N, C-alpha and C. Protein backbone atom coordinates (compact mmCIF):
# COMPACT_ATOMS: atom_id res chain seq x y z
N UNK A 1 -242.67 98.61 -3.41
CA UNK A 1 -243.81 98.84 -4.27
C UNK A 1 -243.52 99.96 -5.27
N UNK A 2 -242.94 101.06 -4.78
CA UNK A 2 -242.61 102.19 -5.64
C UNK A 2 -241.56 101.80 -6.66
N UNK A 3 -240.60 100.97 -6.23
CA UNK A 3 -239.55 100.52 -7.15
C UNK A 3 -240.13 99.67 -8.28
N UNK A 4 -241.11 98.81 -7.93
CA UNK A 4 -241.74 97.97 -8.95
C UNK A 4 -242.48 98.84 -9.97
N UNK A 5 -243.19 99.86 -9.49
CA UNK A 5 -243.91 100.75 -10.40
C UNK A 5 -242.94 101.52 -11.28
N UNK A 6 -241.86 102.00 -10.68
CA UNK A 6 -240.85 102.74 -11.44
C UNK A 6 -240.21 101.84 -12.50
N UNK A 7 -239.88 100.61 -12.12
CA UNK A 7 -239.29 99.66 -13.06
C UNK A 7 -240.28 99.36 -14.19
N UNK A 8 -241.53 99.17 -13.84
CA UNK A 8 -242.56 98.89 -14.85
C UNK A 8 -242.69 100.07 -15.83
N UNK A 9 -242.71 101.28 -15.32
CA UNK A 9 -242.82 102.47 -16.17
C UNK A 9 -241.60 102.60 -17.08
N UNK A 10 -240.41 102.35 -16.55
CA UNK A 10 -239.20 102.43 -17.37
C UNK A 10 -239.20 101.37 -18.47
N UNK A 11 -239.64 100.16 -18.15
CA UNK A 11 -239.71 99.10 -19.16
C UNK A 11 -240.72 99.46 -20.25
N UNK A 12 -241.84 100.02 -19.86
CA UNK A 12 -242.85 100.43 -20.84
C UNK A 12 -242.30 101.51 -21.75
N UNK A 13 -241.58 102.48 -21.18
CA UNK A 13 -241.00 103.56 -21.99
C UNK A 13 -239.97 103.01 -22.96
N UNK A 14 -239.14 102.10 -22.54
CA UNK A 14 -238.14 101.50 -23.42
C UNK A 14 -238.80 100.70 -24.53
N UNK A 15 -239.85 99.98 -24.20
CA UNK A 15 -240.57 99.21 -25.21
C UNK A 15 -241.17 100.12 -26.27
N UNK A 16 -241.83 101.20 -25.85
CA UNK A 16 -242.41 102.14 -26.81
C UNK A 16 -241.34 102.84 -27.63
N UNK A 17 -240.21 103.18 -27.01
CA UNK A 17 -239.12 103.82 -27.73
C UNK A 17 -238.57 102.89 -28.78
N UNK A 18 -238.39 101.61 -28.43
CA UNK A 18 -237.87 100.63 -29.38
C UNK A 18 -238.84 100.44 -30.54
N UNK A 19 -240.14 100.37 -30.25
CA UNK A 19 -241.13 100.21 -31.31
C UNK A 19 -241.12 101.42 -32.23
N UNK A 20 -240.94 102.61 -31.68
CA UNK A 20 -240.88 103.83 -32.50
C UNK A 20 -239.68 103.82 -33.42
N UNK A 21 -238.53 103.37 -32.93
CA UNK A 21 -237.34 103.28 -33.77
C UNK A 21 -237.51 102.23 -34.84
N UNK A 22 -238.12 101.13 -34.47
CA UNK A 22 -238.34 100.04 -35.40
C UNK A 22 -239.28 100.47 -36.52
N UNK A 23 -240.30 101.24 -36.22
CA UNK A 23 -241.28 101.68 -37.21
C UNK A 23 -240.69 102.70 -38.18
N UNK A 24 -239.65 103.40 -37.77
CA UNK A 24 -239.06 104.42 -38.61
C UNK A 24 -237.69 103.99 -39.13
N UNK A 25 -237.60 102.75 -39.61
CA UNK A 25 -236.34 102.26 -40.16
C UNK A 25 -235.95 103.12 -41.35
N UNK A 26 -234.67 103.37 -41.53
CA UNK A 26 -234.25 104.23 -42.64
C UNK A 26 -234.48 103.56 -44.00
N UNK A 27 -234.73 104.40 -44.99
CA UNK A 27 -234.89 103.91 -46.34
C UNK A 27 -233.53 103.42 -46.84
N UNK A 28 -233.55 102.34 -47.59
CA UNK A 28 -232.32 101.78 -48.15
C UNK A 28 -232.53 101.52 -49.63
N UNK A 29 -231.56 101.94 -50.45
CA UNK A 29 -231.65 101.78 -51.90
C UNK A 29 -230.42 101.04 -52.40
N UNK A 30 -230.63 99.93 -53.11
CA UNK A 30 -229.55 99.15 -53.71
C UNK A 30 -229.79 99.11 -55.21
N UNK A 31 -228.87 99.71 -55.99
CA UNK A 31 -229.02 99.74 -57.45
C UNK A 31 -228.21 98.65 -58.15
N UNK A 32 -227.24 98.07 -57.49
CA UNK A 32 -226.35 97.05 -58.04
C UNK A 32 -225.36 97.58 -59.07
N UNK A 33 -225.15 98.89 -59.11
CA UNK A 33 -224.08 99.46 -59.94
C UNK A 33 -223.67 100.80 -59.35
N UNK A 34 -222.38 101.05 -59.18
CA UNK A 34 -221.93 102.30 -58.52
C UNK A 34 -222.24 103.58 -59.31
N UNK A 35 -222.41 103.49 -60.62
CA UNK A 35 -222.72 104.68 -61.42
C UNK A 35 -224.21 105.00 -61.48
N UNK A 36 -225.03 104.11 -60.97
CA UNK A 36 -226.49 104.24 -61.05
C UNK A 36 -227.01 104.66 -59.68
N UNK A 37 -227.59 105.85 -59.60
CA UNK A 37 -228.13 106.38 -58.35
C UNK A 37 -229.64 106.58 -58.48
N UNK A 38 -230.34 106.33 -57.39
CA UNK A 38 -231.79 106.51 -57.36
C UNK A 38 -232.15 107.27 -56.09
N UNK A 39 -233.06 108.23 -56.25
CA UNK A 39 -233.64 108.94 -55.11
C UNK A 39 -235.15 108.77 -55.18
N UNK A 40 -235.77 108.61 -54.02
CA UNK A 40 -237.22 108.57 -53.96
C UNK A 40 -237.69 110.00 -53.78
N UNK A 41 -238.37 110.53 -54.79
CA UNK A 41 -238.85 111.91 -54.73
C UNK A 41 -240.13 112.01 -53.90
N UNK A 42 -241.05 111.05 -54.10
CA UNK A 42 -242.27 111.04 -53.31
C UNK A 42 -242.90 109.66 -53.37
N UNK A 43 -243.69 109.39 -52.35
CA UNK A 43 -244.53 108.19 -52.31
C UNK A 43 -245.83 108.63 -51.68
N UNK A 44 -246.86 108.77 -52.51
CA UNK A 44 -248.13 109.34 -52.05
C UNK A 44 -249.28 108.42 -52.43
N UNK A 45 -250.28 108.43 -51.57
CA UNK A 45 -251.47 107.60 -51.80
C UNK A 45 -252.70 108.46 -51.94
N UNK A 46 -253.60 108.00 -52.78
CA UNK A 46 -254.93 108.57 -52.89
C UNK A 46 -255.86 107.38 -53.00
N UNK A 47 -256.70 107.21 -51.98
CA UNK A 47 -257.54 106.02 -51.93
C UNK A 47 -256.67 104.78 -51.83
N UNK A 48 -256.86 103.85 -52.75
CA UNK A 48 -256.09 102.60 -52.73
C UNK A 48 -254.96 102.59 -53.76
N UNK A 49 -254.63 103.77 -54.31
CA UNK A 49 -253.57 103.86 -55.31
C UNK A 49 -252.37 104.59 -54.73
N UNK A 50 -251.19 103.99 -54.87
CA UNK A 50 -249.94 104.58 -54.40
C UNK A 50 -249.07 104.87 -55.61
N UNK A 51 -248.50 106.08 -55.66
CA UNK A 51 -247.56 106.45 -56.71
C UNK A 51 -246.22 106.74 -56.07
N UNK A 52 -245.18 106.10 -56.61
CA UNK A 52 -243.82 106.34 -56.15
C UNK A 52 -243.05 106.96 -57.30
N UNK A 53 -242.56 108.18 -57.10
CA UNK A 53 -241.75 108.86 -58.11
C UNK A 53 -240.29 108.74 -57.73
N UNK A 54 -239.51 108.18 -58.65
CA UNK A 54 -238.08 108.02 -58.46
C UNK A 54 -237.34 108.96 -59.39
N UNK A 55 -236.15 109.37 -59.00
CA UNK A 55 -235.25 110.11 -59.88
C UNK A 55 -234.04 109.22 -60.12
N UNK A 56 -233.85 108.80 -61.38
CA UNK A 56 -232.72 107.96 -61.77
C UNK A 56 -231.61 108.86 -62.30
N UNK A 57 -230.38 108.61 -61.89
CA UNK A 57 -229.25 109.41 -62.36
C UNK A 57 -228.09 108.51 -62.74
N UNK A 58 -227.48 108.82 -63.87
CA UNK A 58 -226.28 108.14 -64.35
C UNK A 58 -225.09 108.99 -63.96
N UNK A 59 -224.27 108.52 -63.03
CA UNK A 59 -223.09 109.26 -62.59
C UNK A 59 -221.81 108.73 -63.23
N UNK A 60 -221.96 107.95 -64.31
CA UNK A 60 -220.81 107.40 -65.00
C UNK A 60 -220.19 108.40 -65.96
N UNK A 61 -219.31 107.90 -66.85
CA UNK A 61 -218.60 108.75 -67.79
C UNK A 61 -219.28 108.84 -69.15
N UNK A 62 -220.18 107.89 -69.46
CA UNK A 62 -220.86 107.89 -70.76
C UNK A 62 -222.36 107.67 -70.58
N UNK A 63 -223.12 108.12 -71.56
CA UNK A 63 -224.57 107.95 -71.55
C UNK A 63 -224.92 106.46 -71.59
N UNK A 64 -226.02 106.11 -70.95
CA UNK A 64 -226.56 104.76 -71.05
C UNK A 64 -227.70 104.84 -72.07
N UNK A 65 -227.49 104.18 -73.20
CA UNK A 65 -228.42 104.29 -74.32
C UNK A 65 -229.63 103.38 -74.20
N UNK A 66 -229.46 102.20 -73.63
CA UNK A 66 -230.56 101.24 -73.60
C UNK A 66 -230.79 100.72 -72.19
N UNK A 67 -231.85 101.21 -71.58
CA UNK A 67 -232.30 100.71 -70.29
C UNK A 67 -233.82 100.59 -70.39
N UNK A 68 -234.37 99.58 -69.76
CA UNK A 68 -235.83 99.41 -69.76
C UNK A 68 -236.26 98.86 -68.41
N UNK A 69 -237.47 99.19 -68.03
CA UNK A 69 -237.99 98.74 -66.75
C UNK A 69 -239.19 97.84 -66.94
N UNK A 70 -239.35 96.90 -66.02
CA UNK A 70 -240.47 95.97 -66.06
C UNK A 70 -241.48 96.30 -64.98
N UNK A 71 -242.74 96.23 -65.33
CA UNK A 71 -243.81 96.38 -64.35
C UNK A 71 -244.07 95.06 -63.67
N UNK A 72 -245.21 94.94 -63.03
CA UNK A 72 -245.54 93.72 -62.29
C UNK A 72 -245.66 92.49 -63.17
N UNK A 73 -246.15 92.65 -64.40
CA UNK A 73 -246.25 91.50 -65.30
C UNK A 73 -244.87 91.06 -65.79
N UNK A 74 -243.88 91.92 -65.66
CA UNK A 74 -242.52 91.59 -66.05
C UNK A 74 -241.67 91.10 -64.90
N UNK A 75 -242.25 91.00 -63.70
CA UNK A 75 -241.52 90.44 -62.57
C UNK A 75 -241.24 91.37 -61.42
N UNK A 76 -241.44 92.69 -61.59
CA UNK A 76 -241.26 93.60 -60.46
C UNK A 76 -242.35 93.34 -59.43
N UNK A 77 -242.02 93.58 -58.16
CA UNK A 77 -243.00 93.33 -57.10
C UNK A 77 -242.76 94.25 -55.92
N UNK A 78 -243.80 94.39 -55.11
CA UNK A 78 -243.71 95.23 -53.91
C UNK A 78 -244.37 94.50 -52.74
N UNK A 79 -243.87 94.80 -51.55
CA UNK A 79 -244.41 94.25 -50.31
C UNK A 79 -244.70 95.42 -49.39
N UNK A 80 -245.83 95.39 -48.69
CA UNK A 80 -246.12 96.49 -47.77
C UNK A 80 -245.89 96.08 -46.32
N UNK A 81 -246.01 97.04 -45.42
CA UNK A 81 -245.75 96.77 -44.01
C UNK A 81 -246.84 95.93 -43.34
N UNK A 82 -247.95 95.70 -44.04
CA UNK A 82 -249.02 94.85 -43.51
C UNK A 82 -248.91 93.42 -44.01
N UNK A 83 -247.87 93.11 -44.76
CA UNK A 83 -247.66 91.74 -45.23
C UNK A 83 -248.29 91.42 -46.57
N UNK A 84 -248.77 92.43 -47.30
CA UNK A 84 -249.37 92.20 -48.62
C UNK A 84 -248.29 92.24 -49.69
N UNK A 85 -248.51 91.50 -50.77
CA UNK A 85 -247.60 91.51 -51.91
C UNK A 85 -248.36 92.02 -53.14
N UNK A 86 -247.67 92.79 -53.97
CA UNK A 86 -248.26 93.36 -55.18
C UNK A 86 -247.42 92.91 -56.37
N UNK A 87 -248.07 92.24 -57.32
CA UNK A 87 -247.41 91.72 -58.51
C UNK A 87 -248.36 91.86 -59.69
N UNK A 88 -247.91 91.45 -60.85
CA UNK A 88 -248.76 91.42 -62.03
C UNK A 88 -249.38 92.78 -62.35
N UNK A 89 -250.68 92.78 -62.59
CA UNK A 89 -251.38 94.00 -63.01
C UNK A 89 -251.43 95.07 -61.92
N UNK A 90 -251.08 94.72 -60.68
CA UNK A 90 -251.14 95.69 -59.58
C UNK A 90 -249.99 96.71 -59.63
N UNK A 91 -248.92 96.41 -60.37
CA UNK A 91 -247.77 97.33 -60.45
C UNK A 91 -247.58 97.76 -61.90
N UNK A 92 -247.61 99.08 -62.10
CA UNK A 92 -247.39 99.65 -63.43
C UNK A 92 -246.28 100.68 -63.34
N UNK A 93 -245.55 100.86 -64.46
CA UNK A 93 -244.43 101.80 -64.48
C UNK A 93 -244.55 102.76 -65.65
N UNK A 94 -243.85 103.89 -65.52
CA UNK A 94 -243.85 104.91 -66.57
C UNK A 94 -242.53 105.69 -66.47
N UNK A 95 -242.00 106.05 -67.63
CA UNK A 95 -240.78 106.85 -67.68
C UNK A 95 -241.13 108.28 -68.04
N UNK A 96 -240.48 109.22 -67.33
CA UNK A 96 -240.57 110.65 -67.61
C UNK A 96 -242.00 111.10 -67.83
N UNK A 97 -242.25 111.75 -68.95
CA UNK A 97 -243.58 112.29 -69.20
C UNK A 97 -244.37 111.47 -70.21
N UNK A 98 -243.98 110.22 -70.40
CA UNK A 98 -244.79 109.35 -71.26
C UNK A 98 -246.18 109.24 -70.66
N UNK A 99 -247.18 109.11 -71.49
CA UNK A 99 -248.55 109.22 -71.02
C UNK A 99 -249.06 108.06 -70.18
N UNK A 100 -248.80 106.85 -70.58
CA UNK A 100 -249.47 105.72 -69.94
C UNK A 100 -248.55 104.90 -69.05
N UNK A 101 -249.12 104.46 -67.93
CA UNK A 101 -248.46 103.46 -67.11
C UNK A 101 -248.70 102.10 -67.75
N UNK A 102 -247.76 101.17 -67.60
CA UNK A 102 -247.92 99.84 -68.16
C UNK A 102 -247.46 98.80 -67.15
N UNK A 103 -248.21 97.72 -67.03
CA UNK A 103 -247.79 96.64 -66.15
C UNK A 103 -246.71 95.79 -66.82
N UNK A 104 -246.55 95.93 -68.15
CA UNK A 104 -245.55 95.14 -68.87
C UNK A 104 -244.17 95.79 -68.81
N UNK A 105 -244.11 97.11 -68.86
CA UNK A 105 -242.81 97.76 -68.77
C UNK A 105 -242.82 99.16 -69.32
N UNK A 106 -241.68 99.80 -69.21
CA UNK A 106 -241.54 101.19 -69.60
C UNK A 106 -241.12 101.38 -71.05
N UNK A 107 -240.65 100.31 -71.69
CA UNK A 107 -240.03 100.46 -73.00
C UNK A 107 -238.61 100.98 -72.80
N UNK A 108 -237.83 100.97 -73.86
CA UNK A 108 -236.44 101.43 -73.73
C UNK A 108 -236.36 102.94 -73.61
N UNK A 109 -235.40 103.39 -72.82
CA UNK A 109 -235.11 104.81 -72.70
C UNK A 109 -233.63 104.96 -72.43
N UNK A 110 -233.15 106.19 -72.48
CA UNK A 110 -231.73 106.41 -72.19
C UNK A 110 -231.57 107.34 -71.01
N UNK A 111 -230.44 107.22 -70.34
CA UNK A 111 -230.10 108.10 -69.22
C UNK A 111 -228.77 108.76 -69.53
N UNK A 112 -228.80 110.02 -69.98
CA UNK A 112 -227.54 110.74 -70.22
C UNK A 112 -226.80 110.97 -68.90
N UNK A 113 -225.52 111.16 -68.98
CA UNK A 113 -224.70 111.43 -67.80
C UNK A 113 -225.20 112.69 -67.09
N UNK A 114 -225.37 112.59 -65.78
CA UNK A 114 -225.75 113.71 -64.91
C UNK A 114 -227.07 114.40 -65.27
N UNK A 115 -227.95 113.69 -65.97
CA UNK A 115 -229.27 114.23 -66.29
C UNK A 115 -230.31 113.39 -65.54
N UNK A 116 -231.04 113.97 -64.60
CA UNK A 116 -232.03 113.18 -63.86
C UNK A 116 -233.17 112.72 -64.76
N UNK A 117 -233.61 111.48 -64.53
CA UNK A 117 -234.71 110.89 -65.30
C UNK A 117 -235.78 110.45 -64.31
N UNK A 118 -237.02 110.90 -64.53
CA UNK A 118 -238.12 110.51 -63.64
C UNK A 118 -238.64 109.13 -64.06
N UNK A 119 -238.86 108.29 -63.06
CA UNK A 119 -239.40 106.95 -63.26
C UNK A 119 -240.48 106.76 -62.20
N UNK A 120 -241.69 106.47 -62.62
CA UNK A 120 -242.82 106.39 -61.68
C UNK A 120 -243.38 104.97 -61.62
N UNK A 121 -243.76 104.59 -60.42
CA UNK A 121 -244.37 103.30 -60.17
C UNK A 121 -245.76 103.54 -59.60
N UNK A 122 -246.77 102.87 -60.13
CA UNK A 122 -248.13 102.97 -59.64
C UNK A 122 -248.51 101.60 -59.08
N UNK A 123 -248.93 101.58 -57.82
CA UNK A 123 -249.34 100.32 -57.17
C UNK A 123 -250.81 100.46 -56.80
N UNK A 124 -251.62 99.51 -57.26
CA UNK A 124 -253.06 99.57 -57.03
C UNK A 124 -253.50 98.60 -55.94
N UNK A 125 -254.66 98.92 -55.36
CA UNK A 125 -255.32 98.10 -54.33
C UNK A 125 -254.53 98.00 -53.03
N UNK A 126 -253.89 99.11 -52.65
CA UNK A 126 -253.15 99.18 -51.39
C UNK A 126 -254.14 99.65 -50.30
N UNK A 127 -254.30 98.87 -49.23
CA UNK A 127 -255.24 99.27 -48.18
C UNK A 127 -254.90 100.63 -47.57
N UNK A 128 -255.91 101.35 -47.13
CA UNK A 128 -255.70 102.67 -46.52
C UNK A 128 -254.90 102.60 -45.23
N UNK A 129 -254.86 101.43 -44.60
CA UNK A 129 -254.11 101.27 -43.35
C UNK A 129 -252.61 101.10 -43.58
N UNK A 130 -252.19 100.87 -44.81
CA UNK A 130 -250.78 100.65 -45.11
C UNK A 130 -249.99 101.93 -44.92
N UNK A 131 -248.90 101.86 -44.17
CA UNK A 131 -248.08 103.02 -43.86
C UNK A 131 -246.81 103.12 -44.69
N UNK A 132 -246.33 101.97 -45.21
CA UNK A 132 -245.09 102.01 -45.97
C UNK A 132 -244.98 100.82 -46.91
N UNK A 133 -244.12 100.99 -47.90
CA UNK A 133 -243.73 99.88 -48.76
C UNK A 133 -242.46 99.31 -48.14
N UNK A 134 -242.57 98.10 -47.61
CA UNK A 134 -241.44 97.49 -46.93
C UNK A 134 -240.31 97.17 -47.90
N UNK A 135 -240.66 96.70 -49.11
CA UNK A 135 -239.64 96.47 -50.13
C UNK A 135 -240.26 96.60 -51.51
N UNK A 136 -239.56 97.33 -52.35
CA UNK A 136 -239.90 97.45 -53.77
C UNK A 136 -238.76 96.78 -54.52
N UNK A 137 -239.08 95.76 -55.29
CA UNK A 137 -238.09 95.00 -56.04
C UNK A 137 -238.35 95.22 -57.53
N UNK A 138 -237.54 96.09 -58.13
CA UNK A 138 -237.74 96.49 -59.53
C UNK A 138 -236.76 95.80 -60.47
N UNK A 139 -237.30 95.37 -61.59
CA UNK A 139 -236.41 94.86 -62.63
C UNK A 139 -236.17 96.00 -63.61
N UNK A 140 -234.92 96.43 -63.68
CA UNK A 140 -234.48 97.40 -64.68
C UNK A 140 -233.39 96.69 -65.48
N UNK A 141 -233.62 96.52 -66.78
CA UNK A 141 -232.68 95.82 -67.64
C UNK A 141 -231.72 96.79 -68.30
N UNK A 142 -230.43 96.56 -68.11
CA UNK A 142 -229.41 97.41 -68.73
C UNK A 142 -228.15 96.58 -68.91
N UNK A 143 -227.85 96.21 -70.16
CA UNK A 143 -226.67 95.39 -70.43
C UNK A 143 -225.38 96.10 -70.02
N UNK A 144 -225.30 97.40 -70.26
CA UNK A 144 -224.09 98.16 -69.94
C UNK A 144 -223.75 98.06 -68.45
N UNK A 145 -224.78 98.09 -67.60
CA UNK A 145 -224.56 98.02 -66.15
C UNK A 145 -224.72 96.60 -65.60
N UNK A 146 -225.03 95.64 -66.46
CA UNK A 146 -225.20 94.26 -66.01
C UNK A 146 -226.44 94.04 -65.16
N UNK A 147 -227.46 94.86 -65.36
CA UNK A 147 -228.70 94.74 -64.59
C UNK A 147 -229.71 93.90 -65.37
N UNK A 148 -230.39 93.01 -64.65
CA UNK A 148 -231.42 92.16 -65.25
C UNK A 148 -232.30 91.62 -64.13
N UNK A 149 -233.09 90.63 -64.43
CA UNK A 149 -234.00 90.05 -63.43
C UNK A 149 -233.28 89.43 -62.25
N UNK A 150 -232.02 89.02 -62.43
CA UNK A 150 -231.25 88.44 -61.33
C UNK A 150 -230.63 89.51 -60.44
N UNK A 151 -230.39 90.69 -60.99
CA UNK A 151 -229.85 91.82 -60.24
C UNK A 151 -230.89 92.91 -60.24
N UNK A 152 -231.75 92.88 -59.25
CA UNK A 152 -232.86 93.83 -59.17
C UNK A 152 -232.47 95.06 -58.37
N UNK A 153 -233.14 96.16 -58.67
CA UNK A 153 -233.05 97.35 -57.83
C UNK A 153 -233.97 97.10 -56.64
N UNK A 154 -233.46 97.31 -55.43
CA UNK A 154 -234.27 97.09 -54.24
C UNK A 154 -234.30 98.36 -53.39
N UNK A 155 -235.51 98.76 -53.05
CA UNK A 155 -235.70 99.92 -52.19
C UNK A 155 -236.55 99.46 -51.01
N UNK A 156 -236.06 99.70 -49.80
CA UNK A 156 -236.74 99.26 -48.59
C UNK A 156 -237.21 100.45 -47.76
N UNK A 157 -238.32 100.25 -47.05
CA UNK A 157 -238.84 101.20 -46.06
C UNK A 157 -239.22 102.56 -46.67
N UNK A 158 -240.11 102.53 -47.64
CA UNK A 158 -240.59 103.76 -48.27
C UNK A 158 -241.87 104.21 -47.57
N UNK A 159 -241.83 105.30 -46.82
CA UNK A 159 -243.06 105.76 -46.15
C UNK A 159 -244.08 106.30 -47.15
N UNK A 160 -245.35 106.03 -46.90
CA UNK A 160 -246.43 106.49 -47.77
C UNK A 160 -247.08 107.71 -47.13
N UNK A 161 -247.14 108.82 -47.88
CA UNK A 161 -247.86 109.98 -47.36
C UNK A 161 -249.30 109.92 -47.87
N UNK A 162 -250.22 110.29 -47.00
CA UNK A 162 -251.64 110.27 -47.35
C UNK A 162 -252.26 111.60 -47.00
N UNK A 163 -253.27 112.01 -47.79
CA UNK A 163 -253.98 113.26 -47.53
C UNK A 163 -254.92 113.12 -46.38
């Protein structure tokens, strides 16, 4: 009887430990070019709005003069850990300190070598119960790096901080 209880307790502990590891999967970032690096600076929610601030860096030998990003109306999309998808008007983007977010895109900008560039994504109508963005699939167009709608930037497992 004691062995059965001990075995049951050990199985329960292993199950909870596995679920904890599974819930805290590491963030993964795929840019599709070795000279293009991205860091997630923050992912914060207020109400049903989530803002993700990225830092884009060009680690190549020359400046990238023409790069542009697409919002949800341009094909970028996000999925949350609750199984919801965000597309179209729900996803807006903004470069650096430009004033307005746009669901159509960021417009062209440049990334000088070794100069960080802020790129922000705004996702609307995210439920308060959502804990993370399971996958963010961004379209960043850059002929020099061969990036387009077929080669998307993908970021997985972005935890959302809430007040």
